[in-house]
Amino acid sequence: MMLSAAGPVLANTLKKGGSAGYLALLLVVVMFLVTVLLIRNMSGRLKRLPKEFPETPASKEPQDPEV
């Protein structure tokens, strides 16, 4: 049982005697592009963060969780 959207395309390609190489290449290229966009987005968000965060009174003392 195939759960992905590419399953029927892959099964149809293999039945006709082709290979899954083109589909795999497409998948790798799409994953690369998504990774590049994710890295660009996260670097932009990190640049917008303040250099230092204000210290709150609760963060000065370690808290013991009471069970």
PDB file of N, CA and C in Angstrom:
ATOM      1  N   MET A   1       0.845  -1.180   0.000  1.00  0.00           N
ATOM      2  CA  MET A   1       0.000   0.000   0.000  1.00  0.00           C
ATOM      3  C   MET A   1       0.887   1.240   0.000  1.00  0.00           C
ATOM      4  N   MET A   2       0.675   2.124  -0.956  1.00  0.00           N
ATOM      5  CA  MET A   2       1.473   3.337  -1.055  1.00  0.00           C
ATOM      6  C   MET A   2       0.703   4.497  -0.462  1.00  0.00           C
ATOM      7  N   LEU A   3       1.371   5.252   0.422  1.00  0.00           N
ATOM      8  CA  LEU A   3       0.705   6.338   1.110  1.00  0.00           C
ATOM      9  C   LEU A   3       1.077   7.711   0.571  1.00  0.00           C
ATOM     10  N   SER A   4       2.101   7.797  -0.258  1.00  0.00           N
ATOM     11  CA  SER A   4       2.529   9.107  -0.736  1.00  0.00           C
ATOM     12  C   SER A   4       1.814   9.468  -2.030  1.00  0.00           C
ATOM     13  N   ALA A   5       1.893  10.753  -2.366  1.00  0.00           N
ATOM     14  CA  ALA A   5       1.263  11.227  -3.600  1.00  0.00           C
ATOM     15  C   ALA A   5       2.040  10.767  -4.819  1.00  0.00           C
ATOM     16  N   ALA A   6       3.334  10.509  -4.654  1.00  0.00           N
ATOM     17  CA  ALA A   6       4.160  10.083  -5.778  1.00  0.00           C
ATOM     18  C   ALA A   6       4.042   8.590  -6.034  1.00  0.00           C
ATOM     19  N   GLY A   7       3.345   7.869  -5.170  1.00  0.00           N
ATOM     20  CA  GLY A   7       3.215   6.424  -5.310  1.00  0.00           C
ATOM     21  C   GLY A   7       2.634   5.979  -6.638  1.00  0.00           C
ATOM     22  N   PRO A   8       1.469   6.495  -7.034  1.00  0.00           N
ATOM     23  CA  PRO A   8       0.904   6.064  -8.323  1.00  0.00           C
ATOM     24  C   PRO A   8       1.770   6.444  -9.512  1.00  0.00           C
ATOM     25  N   VAL A   9       2.426   7.594  -9.444  1.00  0.00           N
ATOM     26  CA  VAL A   9       3.309   8.008 -10.543  1.00  0.00           C
ATOM     27  C   VAL A   9       4.473   7.051 -10.657  1.00  0.00           C
ATOM     28  N   LEU A  10       5.064   6.698  -9.511  1.00  0.00           N
ATOM     29  CA  LEU A  10       6.201   5.788  -9.500  1.00  0.00           C
ATOM     30  C   LEU A  10       5.791   4.406  -9.981  1.00  0.00           C
ATOM     31  N   ALA A  11       4.645   3.915  -9.523  1.00  0.00           N
ATOM     32  CA  ALA A  11       4.183   2.597  -9.937  1.00  0.00           C
ATOM     33  C   ALA A  11       3.902   2.573 -11.433  1.00  0.00           C
ATOM     34  N   ASN A  12       3.315   3.640 -11.958  1.00  0.00           N
ATOM     35  CA  ASN A  12       3.014   3.719 -13.379  1.00  0.00           C
ATOM     36  C   ASN A  12       4.298   3.767 -14.203  1.00  0.00           C
ATOM     37  N   THR A  13       5.304   4.491 -13.718  1.00  0.00           N
ATOM     38  CA  THR A  13       6.572   4.594 -14.438  1.00  0.00           C
ATOM     39  C   THR A  13       7.277   3.250 -14.473  1.00  0.00           C
ATOM     40  N   LEU A  14       7.274   2.539 -13.354  1.00  0.00           N
ATOM     41  CA  LEU A  14       7.960   1.250 -13.308  1.00  0.00           C
ATOM     42  C   LEU A  14       7.256   0.203 -14.160  1.00  0.00           C
ATOM     43  N   LYS A  15       5.932   0.284 -14.294  1.00  0.00           N
ATOM     44  CA  LYS A  15       5.209  -0.678 -15.124  1.00  0.00           C
ATOM     45  C   LYS A  15       5.561  -0.508 -16.597  1.00  0.00           C
ATOM     46  N   LYS A  16       5.834   0.722 -17.009  1.00  0.00           N
ATOM     47  CA  LYS A  16       6.141   0.985 -18.415  1.00  0.00           C
ATOM     48  C   LYS A  16       7.587   0.662 -18.759  1.00  0.00           C
ATOM     49  N   GLY A  17       8.375   0.221 -17.781  1.00  0.00           N
ATOM     50  CA  GLY A  17       9.755  -0.151 -18.054  1.00  0.00           C
ATOM     51  C   GLY A  17      10.729   0.977 -17.806  1.00  0.00           C
ATOM     52  N   GLY A  18      10.261   2.129 -17.326  1.00  0.00           N
ATOM     53  CA  GLY A  18      11.151   3.242 -17.035  1.00  0.00           C
ATOM     54  C   GLY A  18      11.801   3.066 -15.681  1.00  0.00           C
ATOM     55  N   SER A  19      12.578   4.053 -15.311  1.00  0.00           N
ATOM     56  CA  SER A  19      13.209   3.982 -14.004  1.00  0.00           C
ATOM     57  C   SER A  19      12.685   5.115 -13.128  1.00  0.00           C
ATOM     58  N   ALA A  20      12.925   4.999 -11.866  1.00  0.00           N
ATOM     59  CA  ALA A  20      12.473   6.021 -10.926  1.00  0.00           C
ATOM     60  C   ALA A  20      13.526   7.115 -10.773  1.00  0.00           C
ATOM     61  N   GLY A  21      14.529   7.137 -11.610  1.00  0.00           N
ATOM     62  CA  GLY A  21      15.615   8.101 -11.503  1.00  0.00           C
ATOM     63  C   GLY A  21      15.161   9.542 -11.646  1.00  0.00           C
ATOM     64  N   TYR A  22      14.279   9.806 -12.579  1.00  0.00           N
ATOM     65  CA  TYR A  22      13.815  11.173 -12.792  1.00  0.00           C
ATOM     66  C   TYR A  22      12.977  11.657 -11.613  1.00  0.00           C
ATOM     67  N   LEU A  23      12.150  10.786 -11.098  1.00  0.00           N
ATOM     68  CA  LEU A  23      11.323  11.138  -9.957  1.00  0.00           C
ATOM     69  C   LEU A  23      12.188  11.365  -8.718  1.00  0.00           C
ATOM     70  N   ALA A  24      13.210  10.536  -8.545  1.00  0.00           N
ATOM     71  CA  ALA A  24      14.126  10.706  -7.415  1.00  0.00           C
ATOM     72  C   ALA A  24      14.905  12.007  -7.547  1.00  0.00           C
ATOM     73  N   LEU A  25      15.343  12.344  -8.743  1.00  0.00           N
ATOM     74  CA  LEU A  25      16.067  13.597  -8.966  1.00  0.00           C
ATOM     75  C   LEU A  25      15.161  14.789  -8.658  1.00  0.00           C
ATOM     76  N   LEU A  26      13.927  14.722  -9.093  1.00  0.00           N
ATOM     77  CA  LEU A  26      12.974  15.793  -8.806  1.00  0.00           C
ATOM     78  C   LEU A  26      12.770  15.939  -7.297  1.00  0.00           C
ATOM     79  N   LEU A  27      12.651  14.834  -6.615  1.00  0.00           N
ATOM     80  CA  LEU A  27      12.458  14.858  -5.165  1.00  0.00           C
ATOM     81  C   LEU A  27      13.672  15.469  -4.457  1.00  0.00           C
ATOM     82  N   VAL A  28      14.869  15.119  -4.882  1.00  0.00           N
ATOM     83  CA  VAL A  28      16.087  15.664  -4.277  1.00  0.00           C
ATOM     84  C   VAL A  28      16.192  17.160  -4.536  1.00  0.00           C
ATOM     85  N   VAL A  29      15.875  17.603  -5.738  1.00  0.00           N
ATOM     86  CA  VAL A  29      15.942  19.036  -6.064  1.00  0.00           C
ATOM     87  C   VAL A  29      14.917  19.818  -5.245  1.00  0.00           C
ATOM     88  N   VAL A  30      13.717  19.302  -5.111  1.00  0.00           N
ATOM     89  CA  VAL A  30      12.696  19.983  -4.316  1.00  0.00           C
ATOM     90  C   VAL A  30      13.111  20.049  -2.855  1.00  0.00           C
ATOM     91  N   MET A  31      13.657  18.971  -2.327  1.00  0.00           N
ATOM     92  CA  MET A  31      14.107  18.982  -0.929  1.00  0.00           C
ATOM     93  C   MET A  31      15.254  19.966  -0.727  1.00  0.00           C
ATOM     94  N   PHE A  32      16.151  20.084  -1.716  1.00  0.00           N
ATOM     95  CA  PHE A  32      17.247  21.044  -1.632  1.00  0.00           C
ATOM     96  C   PHE A  32      16.708  22.479  -1.613  1.00  0.00           C
ATOM     97  N   LEU A  33      15.760  22.770  -2.489  1.00  0.00           N
ATOM     98  CA  LEU A  33      15.181  24.112  -2.531  1.00  0.00           C
ATOM     99  C   LEU A  33      14.456  24.460  -1.237  1.00  0.00           C
ATOM    100  N   VAL A  34      13.724  23.512  -0.684  1.00  0.00           N
ATOM    101  CA  VAL A  34      13.021  23.745   0.575  1.00  0.00           C
ATOM    102  C   VAL A  34      14.027  23.995   1.694  1.00  0.00           C
ATOM    103  N   THR A  35      15.130  23.261   1.707  1.00  0.00           N
ATOM    104  CA  THR A  35      16.164  23.457   2.727  1.00  0.00           C
ATOM    105  C   THR A  35      16.791  24.829   2.608  1.00  0.00           C
ATOM    106  N   VAL A  36      17.080  25.273   1.397  1.00  0.00           N
ATOM    107  CA  VAL A  36      17.672  26.600   1.192  1.00  0.00           C
ATOM    108  C   VAL A  36      16.713  27.682   1.674  1.00  0.00           C
ATOM    109  N   LEU A  37      15.443  27.558   1.333  1.00  0.00           N
ATOM    110  CA  LEU A  37      14.460  28.548   1.782  1.00  0.00           C
ATOM    111  C   LEU A  37      14.308  28.544   3.299  1.00  0.00           C
ATOM    112  N   LEU A  38      14.356  27.379   3.903  1.00  0.00           N
ATOM    113  CA  LEU A  38      14.264  27.292   5.355  1.00  0.00           C
ATOM    114  C   LEU A  38      15.466  27.963   6.032  1.00  0.00           C
ATOM    115  N   ILE A  39      16.656  27.742   5.510  1.00  0.00           N
ATOM    116  CA  ILE A  39      17.863  28.360   6.075  1.00  0.00           C
ATOM    117  C   ILE A  39      17.797  29.875   5.934  1.00  0.00           C
ATOM    118  N   ARG A  40      17.357  30.360   4.776  1.00  0.00           N
ATOM    119  CA  ARG A  40      17.245  31.818   4.588  1.00  0.00           C
ATOM    120  C   ARG A  40      16.238  32.425   5.557  1.00  0.00           C
ATOM    121  N   ASN A  41      15.117  31.753   5.751  1.00  0.00           N
ATOM    122  CA  ASN A  41      14.091  32.248   6.661  1.00  0.00           C
ATOM    123  C   ASN A  41      14.606  32.281   8.100  1.00  0.00           C
ATOM    124  N   MET A  42      15.258  31.221   8.538  1.00  0.00           N
ATOM    125  CA  MET A  42      15.746  31.161   9.912  1.00  0.00           C
ATOM    126  C   MET A  42      16.873  32.166  10.147  1.00  0.00           C
ATOM    127  N   SER A  43      17.744  32.404   9.166  1.00  0.00           N
ATOM    128  CA  SER A  43      18.802  33.409   9.371  1.00  0.00           C
ATOM    129  C   SER A  43      18.207  34.797   9.489  1.00  0.00           C
ATOM    130  N   GLY A  44      17.178  35.092   8.733  1.00  0.00           N
ATOM    131  CA  GLY A  44      16.516  36.384   8.852  1.00  0.00           C
ATOM    132  C   GLY A  44      15.876  36.560  10.217  1.00  0.00           C
ATOM    133  N   ARG A  45      15.282  35.502  10.730  1.00  0.00           N
ATOM    134  CA  ARG A  45      14.665  35.583  12.054  1.00  0.00           C
ATOM    135  C   ARG A  45      15.714  35.741  13.143  1.00  0.00           C
ATOM    136  N   LEU A  46      16.839  35.073  13.004  1.00  0.00           N
ATOM    137  CA  LEU A  46      17.900  35.196  14.010  1.00  0.00           C
ATOM    138  C   LEU A  46      18.513  36.590  14.008  1.00  0.00           C
ATOM    139  N   LYS A  47      18.589  37.222  12.839  1.00  0.00           N
ATOM    140  CA  LYS A  47      19.146  38.580  12.773  1.00  0.00           C
ATOM    141  C   LYS A  47      18.238  39.588  13.465  1.00  0.00           C
ATOM    142  N   ARG A  48      16.935  39.315  13.495  1.00  0.00           N
ATOM    143  CA  ARG A  48      15.989  40.249  14.124  1.00  0.00           C
ATOM    144  C   ARG A  48      15.919  40.098  15.637  1.00  0.00           C
ATOM    145  N   LEU A  49      16.527  39.056  16.185  1.00  0.00           N
ATOM    146  CA  LEU A  49      16.497  38.876  17.632  1.00  0.00           C
ATOM    147  C   LEU A  49      17.377  39.918  18.306  1.00  0.00           C
ATOM    148  N   PRO A  50      17.024  40.343  19.518  1.00  0.00           N
ATOM    149  CA  PRO A  50      17.886  41.297  20.230  1.00  0.00           C
ATOM    150  C   PRO A  50      19.206  40.634  20.631  1.00  0.00           C
ATOM    151  N   LYS A  51      20.256  41.476  20.803  1.00  0.00           N
ATOM    152  CA  LYS A  51      21.573  40.938  21.174  1.00  0.00           C
ATOM    153  C   LYS A  51      21.524  40.279  22.545  1.00  0.00           C
ATOM    154  N   GLU A  52      20.826  40.923  23.475  1.00  0.00           N
ATOM    155  CA  GLU A  52      20.698  40.367  24.821  1.00  0.00           C
ATOM    156  C   GLU A  52      19.241  40.466  25.253  1.00  0.00           C
ATOM    157  N   PHE A  53      18.827  39.493  26.015  1.00  0.00           N
ATOM    158  CA  PHE A  53      17.482  39.496  26.546  1.00  0.00           C
ATOM    159  C   PHE A  53      17.504  40.054  27.965  1.00  0.00           C
ATOM    160  N   PRO A  54      16.472  40.804  28.344  1.00  0.00           N
ATOM    161  CA  PRO A  54      16.440  41.312  29.727  1.00  0.00           C
ATOM    162  C   PRO A  54      16.314  40.150  30.708  1.00  0.00           C
ATOM    163  N   GLU A  55      17.026  40.279  31.816  1.00  0.00           N
ATOM    164  CA  GLU A  55      16.992  39.209  32.800  1.00  0.00           C
ATOM    165  C   GLU A  55      15.789  39.403  33.709  1.00  0.00           C
ATOM    166  N   THR A  56      15.035  38.377  33.897  1.00  0.00           N
ATOM    167  CA  THR A  56      13.845  38.444  34.747  1.00  0.00           C
ATOM    168  C   THR A  56      14.198  37.898  36.131  1.00  0.00           C
ATOM    169  N   PRO A  57      13.485  38.314  37.159  1.00  0.00           N
ATOM    170  CA  PRO A  57      13.782  37.814  38.507  1.00  0.00           C
ATOM    171  C   PRO A  57      13.630  36.296  38.625  1.00  0.00           C
ATOM    172  N   ALA A  58      12.733  35.717  37.883  1.00  0.00           N
ATOM    173  CA  ALA A  58      12.534  34.272  37.965  1.00  0.00           C
ATOM    174  C   ALA A  58      13.720  33.509  37.392  1.00  0.00           C
ATOM    175  N   SER A  59      14.445  34.101  36.439  1.00  0.00           N
ATOM    176  CA  SER A  59      15.555  33.386  35.832  1.00  0.00           C
ATOM    177  C   SER A  59      16.838  33.497  36.654  1.00  0.00           C
ATOM    178  N   LYS A  60      16.872  34.371  37.661  1.00  0.00           N
ATOM    179  CA  LYS A  60      18.069  34.508  38.490  1.00  0.00           C
ATOM    180  C   LYS A  60      18.223  33.332  39.445  1.00  0.00           C
ATOM    181  N   GLU A  61      17.133  32.834  39.963  1.00  0.00           N
ATOM    182  CA  GLU A  61      17.178  31.744  40.920  1.00  0.00           C
ATOM    183  C   GLU A  61      16.648  30.475  40.271  1.00  0.00           C
ATOM    184  N   PRO A  62      17.347  29.370  40.445  1.00  0.00           N
ATOM    185  CA  PRO A  62      16.797  28.103  39.910  1.00  0.00           C
ATOM    186  C   PRO A  62      15.592  27.678  40.733  1.00  0.00           C
ATOM    187  N   GLN A  63      14.607  27.199  40.045  1.00  0.00           N
ATOM    188  CA  GLN A  63      13.389  26.784  40.721  1.00  0.00           C
ATOM    189  C   GLN A  63      13.359  25.278  40.848  1.00  0.00           C
ATOM    190  N   ASP A  64      12.980  24.810  42.017  1.00  0.00           N
ATOM    191  CA  ASP A  64      12.811  23.381  42.239  1.00  0.00           C
ATOM    192  C   ASP A  64      11.361  23.010  41.973  1.00  0.00           C
ATOM    193  N   PRO A  65      11.140  22.094  41.048  1.00  0.00           N
ATOM    194  CA  PRO A  65       9.751  21.695  40.781  1.00  0.00           C
ATOM    195  C   PRO A  65       9.207  20.883  41.963  1.00  0.00           C
ATOM    196  N   GLU A  66       8.052  21.252  42.421  1.00  0.00           N
ATOM    197  CA  GLU A  66       7.418  20.537  43.531  1.00  0.00           C
ATOM    198  C   GLU A  66       6.442  19.534  42.956  1.00  0.00           C
ATOM    199  N   VAL A  67       6.608  18.308  43.355  1.00  0.00           N
ATOM    200  CA  VAL A  67       5.756  17.236  42.824  1.00  0.00           C
ATOM    201  C   VAL A  67       4.719  16.873  43.831  1.00  0.00           C
TER     202      VAL A  67
END
